Amino acid sequence: MVIMLQTAISSAKESGKFLLYNFRKDSSLVKNRSLAKEISTKYDKESDRIIIAEITKRFPEHSLLTEESGLTDNKSEYLWIIDSLDGTSNFSLGNPFFAVSIALAKSNELILGVVYAPFLDEIYIAEKGKGAFLNGKPIHVSEISELKNSYLVSCEGGDKSNKRHAQINYLFHPDIKDMRKLGSAALEACFVASGRAEGYITFNISPWDVAAGVIIVEESGGTATDFSGNKWKPAESDVLISNGILHDIILRKIKHAL
């Protein structure tokens, strides 16, 4: 397990170093503005290559699922779930909220997660049963127990339309401190884990976007489910991530709205 975690950290940092070196240096990326969610840059692909190369060097028998390369099924009980550049639109537009997200599942159960935001110089790490950490210091979800004192983050995830996202904003805004969108699902999940927000709501999200964030949240004391309250699993789904205390309250409001 130690070698697996070290591999996740080192590959996240190596790909993050590459992304940071190239950040705000390619003005042609701004042209991707109109493509929104569909964009994938040469930087996503090279970051993906860096991560895959390091993991397969150490664990050639493991399976991989990445946003850029799809599924490499080696019939292994271990599955690496990777987003080499979460927040591609942000990266393209010079917005520093982007990250590398790497998770490892064993028999469909998450056992470790790493989210590295190179510009912010923040690395979130979690191992099953060992807690969650930000830059080496333990983190915990907030203890806020009332919506009126809470901050939520949200995004439309894989939805092509903003309709459901707009409905959620309309529903929650009057009853909370504020609702925000970062443009990186991995970071939005980690903001809940570190107590910077009480909940994260997203739709049709791909597993590579949130897998690492899910275990980081769970190991920091939070909860991650689909909108029916079922425990998150590595599949495309609507997802609510929260500090746990407000989870049922938020779920009930979501069900009422949608």
C-alpha atoms as a PDB file:
ATOM      1  CA  MET A   1       0.000   0.000   0.000  1.00  0.00           C
ATOM      2  CA  VAL A   2       2.849   2.370   0.798  1.00  0.00           C
ATOM      3  CA  ILE A   3       4.369   1.954  -2.662  1.00  0.00           C
ATOM      4  CA  MET A   4       0.966   2.479  -4.282  1.00  0.00           C
ATOM      5  CA  LEU A   5       0.442   5.739  -2.392  1.00  0.00           C
ATOM      6  CA  GLN A   6       3.979   6.899  -3.145  1.00  0.00           C
ATOM      7  CA  THR A   7       3.372   6.159  -6.828  1.00  0.00           C
ATOM      8  CA  ALA A   8       0.132   8.155  -6.831  1.00  0.00           C
ATOM      9  CA  ILE A   9       1.821  11.112  -5.133  1.00  0.00           C
ATOM     10  CA  SER A  10       4.938  11.109  -7.304  1.00  0.00           C
ATOM     11  CA  SER A  11       2.996  10.765 -10.579  1.00  0.00           C
ATOM     12  CA  ALA A  12       0.551  13.517  -9.530  1.00  0.00           C
ATOM     13  CA  LYS A  13       3.435  15.821  -8.689  1.00  0.00           C
ATOM     14  CA  GLU A  14       5.316  15.025 -11.886  1.00  0.00           C
ATOM     15  CA  SER A  15       2.302  15.696 -14.099  1.00  0.00           C
ATOM     16  CA  GLY A  16       1.440  18.757 -12.011  1.00  0.00           C
ATOM     17  CA  LYS A  17       4.953  20.099 -12.530  1.00  0.00           C
ATOM     18  CA  PHE A  18       4.485  19.703 -16.286  1.00  0.00           C
ATOM     19  CA  LEU A  19       1.119  21.487 -16.200  1.00  0.00           C
ATOM     20  CA  LEU A  20       2.424  24.338 -14.072  1.00  0.00           C
ATOM     21  CA  TYR A  21       5.395  24.866 -16.384  1.00  0.00           C
ATOM     22  CA  ASN A  22       3.029  25.266 -19.341  1.00  0.00           C
ATOM     23  CA  PHE A  23       0.329  27.239 -17.530  1.00  0.00           C
ATOM     24  CA  ARG A  24      -0.542  30.605 -19.147  1.00  0.00           C
ATOM     25  CA  LYS A  25       2.049  30.077 -21.886  1.00  0.00           C
ATOM     26  CA  ASP A  26      -0.212  28.965 -24.751  1.00  0.00           C
ATOM     27  CA  SER A  27      -2.502  31.780 -25.902  1.00  0.00           C
ATOM     28  CA  SER A  28      -4.125  29.500 -28.498  1.00  0.00           C
ATOM     29  CA  LEU A  29      -5.962  27.674 -25.693  1.00  0.00           C
ATOM     30  CA  VAL A  30      -8.315  30.626 -25.226  1.00  0.00           C
ATOM     31  CA  LYS A  31      -9.953  29.655 -28.530  1.00  0.00           C
ATOM     32  CA  ASN A  32     -11.341  26.597 -26.719  1.00  0.00           C
ATOM     33  CA  ARG A  33     -13.664  28.829 -24.693  1.00  0.00           C
ATOM     34  CA  SER A  34     -16.692  27.963 -26.849  1.00  0.00           C
ATOM     35  CA  LEU A  35     -16.135  24.206 -26.504  1.00  0.00           C
ATOM     36  CA  ALA A  36     -16.654  24.211 -22.732  1.00  0.00           C
ATOM     37  CA  LYS A  37     -16.856  20.637 -21.421  1.00  0.00           C
ATOM     38  CA  GLU A  38     -15.762  18.920 -24.613  1.00  0.00           C
ATOM     39  CA  ILE A  39     -12.279  20.397 -24.708  1.00  0.00           C
ATOM     40  CA  SER A  40      -9.208  18.249 -24.308  1.00  0.00           C
ATOM     41  CA  THR A  41      -5.813  19.784 -24.876  1.00  0.00           C
ATOM     42  CA  LYS A  42      -2.378  18.417 -25.655  1.00  0.00           C
ATOM     43  CA  TYR A  43      -1.585  19.173 -22.018  1.00  0.00           C
ATOM     44  CA  ASP A  44      -4.322  16.806 -20.782  1.00  0.00           C
ATOM     45  CA  LYS A  45      -2.886  14.099 -23.028  1.00  0.00           C
ATOM     46  CA  GLU A  46       0.743  14.598 -22.019  1.00  0.00           C
ATOM     47  CA  SER A  47      -0.174  14.719 -18.340  1.00  0.00           C
ATOM     48  CA  ASP A  48      -2.113  11.469 -18.868  1.00  0.00           C
ATOM     49  CA  ARG A  49       0.940   9.899 -20.516  1.00  0.00           C
ATOM     50  CA  ILE A  50       3.195  10.909 -17.613  1.00  0.00           C
ATOM     51  CA  ILE A  51       0.873   9.359 -15.033  1.00  0.00           C
ATOM     52  CA  ILE A  52       0.221   6.151 -16.950  1.00  0.00           C
ATOM     53  CA  ALA A  53       3.929   5.640 -17.613  1.00  0.00           C
ATOM     54  CA  GLU A  54       4.817   5.822 -13.929  1.00  0.00           C
ATOM     55  CA  ILE A  55       1.943   3.639 -12.729  1.00  0.00           C
ATOM     56  CA  THR A  56       2.432   0.938 -15.362  1.00  0.00           C
ATOM     57  CA  LYS A  57       6.170   0.870 -14.647  1.00  0.00           C
ATOM     58  CA  ARG A  58       5.415  -0.025 -11.014  1.00  0.00           C
ATOM     59  CA  PHE A  59       2.186  -1.997 -11.475  1.00  0.00           C
ATOM     60  CA  PRO A  60       1.929  -3.317 -15.057  1.00  0.00           C
ATOM     61  CA  GLU A  61      -0.746  -5.830 -14.056  1.00  0.00           C
ATOM     62  CA  HIS A  62      -3.186  -3.192 -12.737  1.00  0.00           C
ATOM     63  CA  SER A  63      -6.160  -1.847 -14.711  1.00  0.00           C
ATOM     64  CA  LEU A  64      -6.538   1.858 -15.487  1.00  0.00           C
ATOM     65  CA  LEU A  65      -9.459   4.152 -16.215  1.00  0.00           C
ATOM     66  CA  THR A  66      -8.504   7.627 -17.391  1.00  0.00           C
ATOM     67  CA  GLU A  67     -10.396  10.473 -18.989  1.00  0.00           C
ATOM     68  CA  GLU A  68      -7.974  10.661 -21.896  1.00  0.00           C
ATOM     69  CA  SER A  69      -7.203   6.992 -22.563  1.00  0.00           C
ATOM     70  CA  GLY A  70     -10.371   5.241 -21.425  1.00  0.00           C
ATOM     71  CA  LEU A  71     -10.293   1.800 -19.806  1.00  0.00           C
ATOM     72  CA  THR A  72      -7.276  -0.489 -19.888  1.00  0.00           C
ATOM     73  CA  ASP A  73      -8.750  -3.688 -18.488  1.00  0.00           C
ATOM     74  CA  ASN A  74      -6.074  -6.079 -17.268  1.00  0.00           C
ATOM     75  CA  LYS A  75      -8.594  -8.151 -15.277  1.00  0.00           C
ATOM     76  CA  SER A  76      -7.004  -6.932 -12.081  1.00  0.00           C
ATOM     77  CA  GLU A  77      -8.722  -6.335  -8.742  1.00  0.00           C
ATOM     78  CA  TYR A  78      -6.906  -2.986  -8.719  1.00  0.00           C
ATOM     79  CA  LEU A  79      -8.208  -0.084 -10.814  1.00  0.00           C
ATOM     80  CA  TRP A  80      -6.502   3.306 -11.061  1.00  0.00           C
ATOM     81  CA  ILE A  81      -9.001   6.105 -11.785  1.00  0.00           C
ATOM     82  CA  ILE A  82      -7.282   9.142 -13.235  1.00  0.00           C
ATOM     83  CA  ASP A  83      -8.074  12.657 -14.397  1.00  0.00           C
ATOM     84  CA  SER A  84      -4.810  14.060 -15.699  1.00  0.00           C
ATOM     85  CA  LEU A  85      -6.133  17.635 -15.841  1.00  0.00           C
ATOM     86  CA  ASP A  86      -9.320  18.316 -13.949  1.00  0.00           C
ATOM     87  CA  GLY A  87     -10.431  21.812 -14.844  1.00  0.00           C
ATOM     88  CA  THR A  88      -9.222  21.934 -18.448  1.00  0.00           C
ATOM     89  CA  SER A  89     -11.359  25.001 -19.182  1.00  0.00           C
ATOM     90  CA  ASN A  90      -9.797  26.800 -16.228  1.00  0.00           C
ATOM     91  CA  PHE A  91      -6.309  25.814 -17.360  1.00  0.00           C
ATOM     92  CA  SER A  92      -7.038  27.013 -20.893  1.00  0.00           C
ATOM     93  CA  LEU A  93      -8.289  30.390 -19.683  1.00  0.00           C
ATOM     94  CA  GLY A  94      -5.490  31.000 -17.198  1.00  0.00           C
ATOM     95  CA  ASN A  95      -7.649  30.252 -14.146  1.00  0.00           C
ATOM     96  CA  PRO A  96      -5.517  28.572 -11.426  1.00  0.00           C
ATOM     97  CA  PHE A  97      -8.276  26.215 -10.204  1.00  0.00           C
ATOM     98  CA  PHE A  98      -7.119  23.025 -11.919  1.00  0.00           C
ATOM     99  CA  ALA A  99      -5.777  19.778 -10.511  1.00  0.00           C
ATOM    100  CA  VAL A 100      -4.476  16.279 -11.106  1.00  0.00           C
ATOM    101  CA  SER A 101      -6.733  13.594  -9.611  1.00  0.00           C
ATOM    102  CA  ILE A 102      -5.612   9.999  -8.986  1.00  0.00           C
ATOM    103  CA  ALA A 103      -7.535   7.322  -7.092  1.00  0.00           C
ATOM    104  CA  LEU A 104      -7.033   3.610  -6.615  1.00  0.00           C
ATOM    105  CA  ALA A 105      -9.855   1.125  -6.072  1.00  0.00           C
ATOM    106  CA  LYS A 106      -9.513  -2.490  -4.980  1.00  0.00           C
ATOM    107  CA  SER A 107     -12.476  -4.681  -5.889  1.00  0.00           C
ATOM    108  CA  ASN A 108     -14.509  -1.514  -6.553  1.00  0.00           C
ATOM    109  CA  GLU A 109     -13.719  -0.020  -3.139  1.00  0.00           C
ATOM    110  CA  LEU A 110     -11.607   3.128  -3.021  1.00  0.00           C
ATOM    111  CA  ILE A 111      -8.427   2.642  -1.013  1.00  0.00           C
ATOM    112  CA  LEU A 112      -6.474   5.827  -1.747  1.00  0.00           C
ATOM    113  CA  GLY A 113      -6.821   9.200  -3.400  1.00  0.00           C
ATOM    114  CA  VAL A 114      -4.536  12.085  -4.312  1.00  0.00           C
ATOM    115  CA  VAL A 115      -5.575  15.491  -5.636  1.00  0.00           C
ATOM    116  CA  TYR A 116      -2.781  17.907  -6.508  1.00  0.00           C
ATOM    117  CA  ALA A 117      -3.404  21.549  -7.404  1.00  0.00           C
ATOM    118  CA  PRO A 118       0.013  22.716  -8.646  1.00  0.00           C
ATOM    119  CA  PHE A 119      -0.641  26.460  -8.901  1.00  0.00           C
ATOM    120  CA  LEU A 120      -2.184  26.521  -5.423  1.00  0.00           C
ATOM    121  CA  ASP A 121       0.649  24.307  -4.133  1.00  0.00           C
ATOM    122  CA  GLU A 122      -1.884  22.075  -2.383  1.00  0.00           C
ATOM    123  CA  ILE A 123      -1.881  18.290  -2.291  1.00  0.00           C
ATOM    124  CA  TYR A 124      -4.734  16.346  -0.701  1.00  0.00           C
ATOM    125  CA  ILE A 125      -4.031  12.736   0.264  1.00  0.00           C
ATOM    126  CA  ALA A 126      -6.163   9.994   1.778  1.00  0.00           C
ATOM    127  CA  GLU A 127      -5.782   6.288   2.516  1.00  0.00           C
ATOM    128  CA  LYS A 128      -8.627   4.012   3.549  1.00  0.00           C
ATOM    129  CA  GLY A 129      -8.862   4.031   7.329  1.00  0.00           C
ATOM    130  CA  LYS A 130      -5.941   6.440   7.814  1.00  0.00           C
ATOM    131  CA  GLY A 131      -7.559   9.867   7.477  1.00  0.00           C
ATOM    132  CA  ALA A 132      -7.104  12.720   5.017  1.00  0.00           C
ATOM    133  CA  PHE A 133      -4.383  15.330   4.780  1.00  0.00           C
ATOM    134  CA  LEU A 134      -3.679  18.650   3.086  1.00  0.00           C
ATOM    135  CA  ASN A 135       0.031  19.360   2.637  1.00  0.00           C
ATOM    136  CA  GLY A 136       0.757  16.824   5.351  1.00  0.00           C
ATOM    137  CA  LYS A 137      -1.662  18.202   7.943  1.00  0.00           C
ATOM    138  CA  PRO A 138      -4.853  16.352   8.951  1.00  0.00           C
ATOM    139  CA  ILE A 139      -8.108  17.803   7.609  1.00  0.00           C
ATOM    140  CA  HIS A 140     -11.705  17.342   8.656  1.00  0.00           C
ATOM    141  CA  VAL A 141     -15.049  18.383   7.248  1.00  0.00           C
ATOM    142  CA  SER A 142     -16.787  21.322   8.887  1.00  0.00           C
ATOM    143  CA  GLU A 143     -19.153  20.941  11.824  1.00  0.00           C
ATOM    144  CA  ILE A 144     -21.738  23.362  10.418  1.00  0.00           C
ATOM    145  CA  SER A 145     -25.173  21.911  11.140  1.00  0.00           C
ATOM    146  CA  GLU A 146     -27.527  24.525   9.690  1.00  0.00           C
ATOM    147  CA  LEU A 147     -28.009  25.391   6.042  1.00  0.00           C
ATOM    148  CA  LYS A 148     -28.224  29.090   6.821  1.00  0.00           C
ATOM    149  CA  ASN A 149     -24.579  28.996   7.927  1.00  0.00           C
ATOM    150  CA  SER A 150     -23.325  26.850   5.079  1.00  0.00           C
ATOM    151  CA  TYR A 151     -21.450  27.330   1.826  1.00  0.00           C
ATOM    152  CA  LEU A 152     -22.166  24.998  -1.083  1.00  0.00           C
ATOM    153  CA  VAL A 153     -20.268  24.408  -4.300  1.00  0.00           C
ATOM    154  CA  SER A 154     -21.921  22.999  -7.403  1.00  0.00           C
ATOM    155  CA  CYS A 155     -21.428  22.373 -11.088  1.00  0.00           C
ATOM    156  CA  GLU A 156     -23.372  20.888 -13.976  1.00  0.00           C
ATOM    157  CA  GLY A 157     -20.894  17.999 -14.257  1.00  0.00           C
ATOM    158  CA  GLY A 158     -21.651  15.965 -17.347  1.00  0.00           C
ATOM    159  CA  ASP A 159     -25.003  17.623 -18.059  1.00  0.00           C
ATOM    160  CA  LYS A 160     -24.966  19.301 -21.474  1.00  0.00           C
ATOM    161  CA  SER A 161     -27.538  21.796 -20.267  1.00  0.00           C
ATOM    162  CA  ASN A 162     -27.237  24.132 -17.272  1.00  0.00           C
ATOM    163  CA  LYS A 163     -30.904  23.599 -16.411  1.00  0.00           C
ATOM    164  CA  ARG A 164     -30.543  21.351 -13.369  1.00  0.00           C
ATOM    165  CA  HIS A 165     -27.582  23.341 -12.099  1.00  0.00           C
ATOM    166  CA  ALA A 166     -29.665  26.522 -12.360  1.00  0.00           C
ATOM    167  CA  GLN A 167     -32.528  24.833 -10.486  1.00  0.00           C
ATOM    168  CA  ILE A 168     -30.191  23.883  -7.655  1.00  0.00           C
ATOM    169  CA  ASN A 169     -28.820  27.411  -7.450  1.00  0.00           C
ATOM    170  CA  TYR A 170     -32.342  28.826  -7.375  1.00  0.00           C
ATOM    171  CA  LEU A 171     -33.404  26.342  -4.702  1.00  0.00           C
ATOM    172  CA  PHE A 172     -30.514  26.749  -2.273  1.00  0.00           C
ATOM    173  CA  HIS A 173     -29.342  30.348  -2.637  1.00  0.00           C
ATOM    174  CA  PRO A 174     -31.988  31.925  -0.385  1.00  0.00           C
ATOM    175  CA  ASP A 175     -31.247  29.495   2.455  1.00  0.00           C
ATOM    176  CA  ILE A 176     -27.424  29.427   2.615  1.00  0.00           C
ATOM    177  CA  LYS A 177     -24.491  31.778   3.003  1.00  0.00           C
ATOM    178  CA  ASP A 178     -23.452  31.383  -0.625  1.00  0.00           C
ATOM    179  CA  MET A 179     -23.114  28.951  -3.530  1.00  0.00           C
ATOM    180  CA  ARG A 180     -19.979  28.840  -5.652  1.00  0.00           C
ATOM    181  CA  LYS A 181     -18.474  27.068  -8.651  1.00  0.00           C
ATOM    182  CA  LEU A 182     -14.744  26.400  -8.994  1.00  0.00           C
ATOM    183  CA  GLY A 183     -14.632  24.613 -12.334  1.00  0.00           C
ATOM    184  CA  SER A 184     -12.765  21.578 -10.974  1.00  0.00           C
ATOM    185  CA  ALA A 185     -14.777  18.728  -9.483  1.00  0.00           C
ATOM    186  CA  ALA A 186     -11.742  17.333  -7.678  1.00  0.00           C
ATOM    187  CA  LEU A 187     -11.099  20.634  -5.932  1.00  0.00           C
ATOM    188  CA  GLU A 188     -14.780  21.180  -5.189  1.00  0.00           C
ATOM    189  CA  ALA A 189     -14.854  17.823  -3.395  1.00  0.00           C
ATOM    190  CA  CYS A 190     -11.641  18.645  -1.557  1.00  0.00           C
ATOM    191  CA  PHE A 191     -13.056  21.989  -0.443  1.00  0.00           C
ATOM    192  CA  VAL A 192     -15.730  20.009   1.400  1.00  0.00           C
ATOM    193  CA  ALA A 193     -13.089  17.689   2.858  1.00  0.00           C
ATOM    194  CA  SER A 194     -11.073  20.607   4.200  1.00  0.00           C
ATOM    195  CA  GLY A 195     -14.073  22.458   5.657  1.00  0.00           C
ATOM    196  CA  ARG A 196     -14.062  25.251   3.087  1.00  0.00           C
ATOM    197  CA  ALA A 197     -17.584  24.268   2.038  1.00  0.00           C
ATOM    198  CA  GLU A 198     -20.315  22.117   3.536  1.00  0.00           C
ATOM    199  CA  GLY A 199     -21.543  20.428   0.373  1.00  0.00           C
ATOM    200  CA  TYR A 200     -20.845  19.801  -3.306  1.00  0.00           C
ATOM    201  CA  ILE A 201     -23.647  18.999  -5.777  1.00  0.00           C
ATOM    202  CA  THR A 202     -22.960  17.773  -9.299  1.00  0.00           C
ATOM    203  CA  PHE A 203     -24.705  15.900 -12.116  1.00  0.00           C
ATOM    204  CA  ASN A 204     -23.785  12.972 -14.382  1.00  0.00           C
ATOM    205  CA  ILE A 205     -20.222  13.277 -13.184  1.00  0.00           C
ATOM    206  CA  SER A 206     -17.622  10.821 -14.506  1.00  0.00           C
ATOM    207  CA  PRO A 207     -15.780   8.640 -11.987  1.00  0.00           C
ATOM    208  CA  TRP A 208     -12.358  10.105 -12.796  1.00  0.00           C
ATOM    209  CA  ASP A 209     -13.604  13.571 -11.839  1.00  0.00           C
ATOM    210  CA  VAL A 210     -14.541  12.679  -8.263  1.00  0.00           C
ATOM    211  CA  ALA A 211     -13.058   9.303  -7.278  1.00  0.00           C
ATOM    212  CA  ALA A 212     -10.057  10.751  -5.441  1.00  0.00           C
ATOM    213  CA  GLY A 213     -12.231  13.483  -3.950  1.00  0.00           C
ATOM    214  CA  VAL A 214     -14.718  10.923  -2.638  1.00  0.00           C
ATOM    215  CA  ILE A 215     -12.208   8.995  -0.539  1.00  0.00           C
ATOM    216  CA  ILE A 216     -10.598  12.226   0.653  1.00  0.00           C
ATOM    217  CA  VAL A 217     -14.019  13.441   1.823  1.00  0.00           C
ATOM    218  CA  GLU A 218     -14.906  10.124   3.446  1.00  0.00           C
ATOM    219  CA  GLU A 219     -11.579   9.964   5.264  1.00  0.00           C
ATOM    220  CA  SER A 220     -12.093  13.535   6.488  1.00  0.00           C
ATOM    221  CA  GLY A 221     -15.428  12.549   8.047  1.00  0.00           C
ATOM    222  CA  GLY A 222     -17.812  13.427   5.225  1.00  0.00           C
ATOM    223  CA  THR A 223     -20.290  11.550   3.057  1.00  0.00           C
ATOM    224  CA  ALA A 224     -20.610  10.877  -0.677  1.00  0.00           C
ATOM    225  CA  THR A 225     -23.746   9.397  -2.277  1.00  0.00           C
ATOM    226  CA  ASP A 226     -25.871   9.563  -5.373  1.00  0.00           C
ATOM    227  CA  PHE A 227     -29.153  11.510  -5.210  1.00  0.00           C
ATOM    228  CA  SER A 228     -30.962   8.407  -3.927  1.00  0.00           C
ATOM    229  CA  GLY A 229     -28.650   8.238  -0.936  1.00  0.00           C
ATOM    230  CA  ASN A 230     -26.703   5.213  -2.202  1.00  0.00           C
ATOM    231  CA  LYS A 231     -22.978   5.086  -1.470  1.00  0.00           C
ATOM    232  CA  TRP A 232     -20.877   6.416  -4.357  1.00  0.00           C
ATOM    233  CA  LYS A 233     -19.474   3.836  -6.746  1.00  0.00           C
ATOM    234  CA  PRO A 234     -17.148   4.201  -9.763  1.00  0.00           C
ATOM    235  CA  ALA A 235     -19.753   5.042 -12.395  1.00  0.00           C
ATOM    236  CA  GLU A 236     -21.237   8.123 -14.031  1.00  0.00           C
ATOM    237  CA  SER A 237     -23.872   9.508 -11.686  1.00  0.00           C
ATOM    238  CA  ASP A 238     -25.439  12.471  -9.918  1.00  0.00           C
ATOM    239  CA  VAL A 239     -23.443  13.033  -6.737  1.00  0.00           C
ATOM    240  CA  LEU A 240     -23.800  14.818  -3.425  1.00  0.00           C
ATOM    241  CA  ILE A 241     -20.694  15.203  -1.281  1.00  0.00           C
ATOM    242  CA  SER A 242     -21.139  16.800   2.134  1.00  0.00           C
ATOM    243  CA  ASN A 243     -19.874  17.175   5.670  1.00  0.00           C
ATOM    244  CA  GLY A 244     -22.312  14.387   6.581  1.00  0.00           C
ATOM    245  CA  ILE A 245     -24.220  16.479   9.092  1.00  0.00           C
ATOM    246  CA  LEU A 246     -26.194  18.282   6.392  1.00  0.00           C
ATOM    247  CA  HIS A 247     -26.345  15.387   3.947  1.00  0.00           C
ATOM    248  CA  ASP A 248     -29.951  14.283   4.469  1.00  0.00           C
ATOM    249  CA  ILE A 249     -31.195  17.876   4.570  1.00  0.00           C
ATOM    250  CA  ILE A 250     -29.511  18.691   1.259  1.00  0.00           C
ATOM    251  CA  LEU A 251     -30.702  15.433  -0.323  1.00  0.00           C
ATOM    252  CA  ARG A 252     -34.313  16.128   0.602  1.00  0.00           C
ATOM    253  CA  LYS A 253     -34.165  19.571  -0.996  1.00  0.00           C
ATOM    254  CA  ILE A 254     -32.567  18.176  -4.134  1.00  0.00           C
ATOM    255  CA  LYS A 255     -35.263  15.494  -4.481  1.00  0.00           C
ATOM    256  CA  HIS A 256     -37.948  18.129  -4.036  1.00  0.00           C
ATOM    257  CA  ALA A 257     -36.445  20.314  -6.774  1.00  0.00           C
ATOM    258  CA  LEU A 258     -35.630  17.655  -9.338  1.00  0.00           C
END
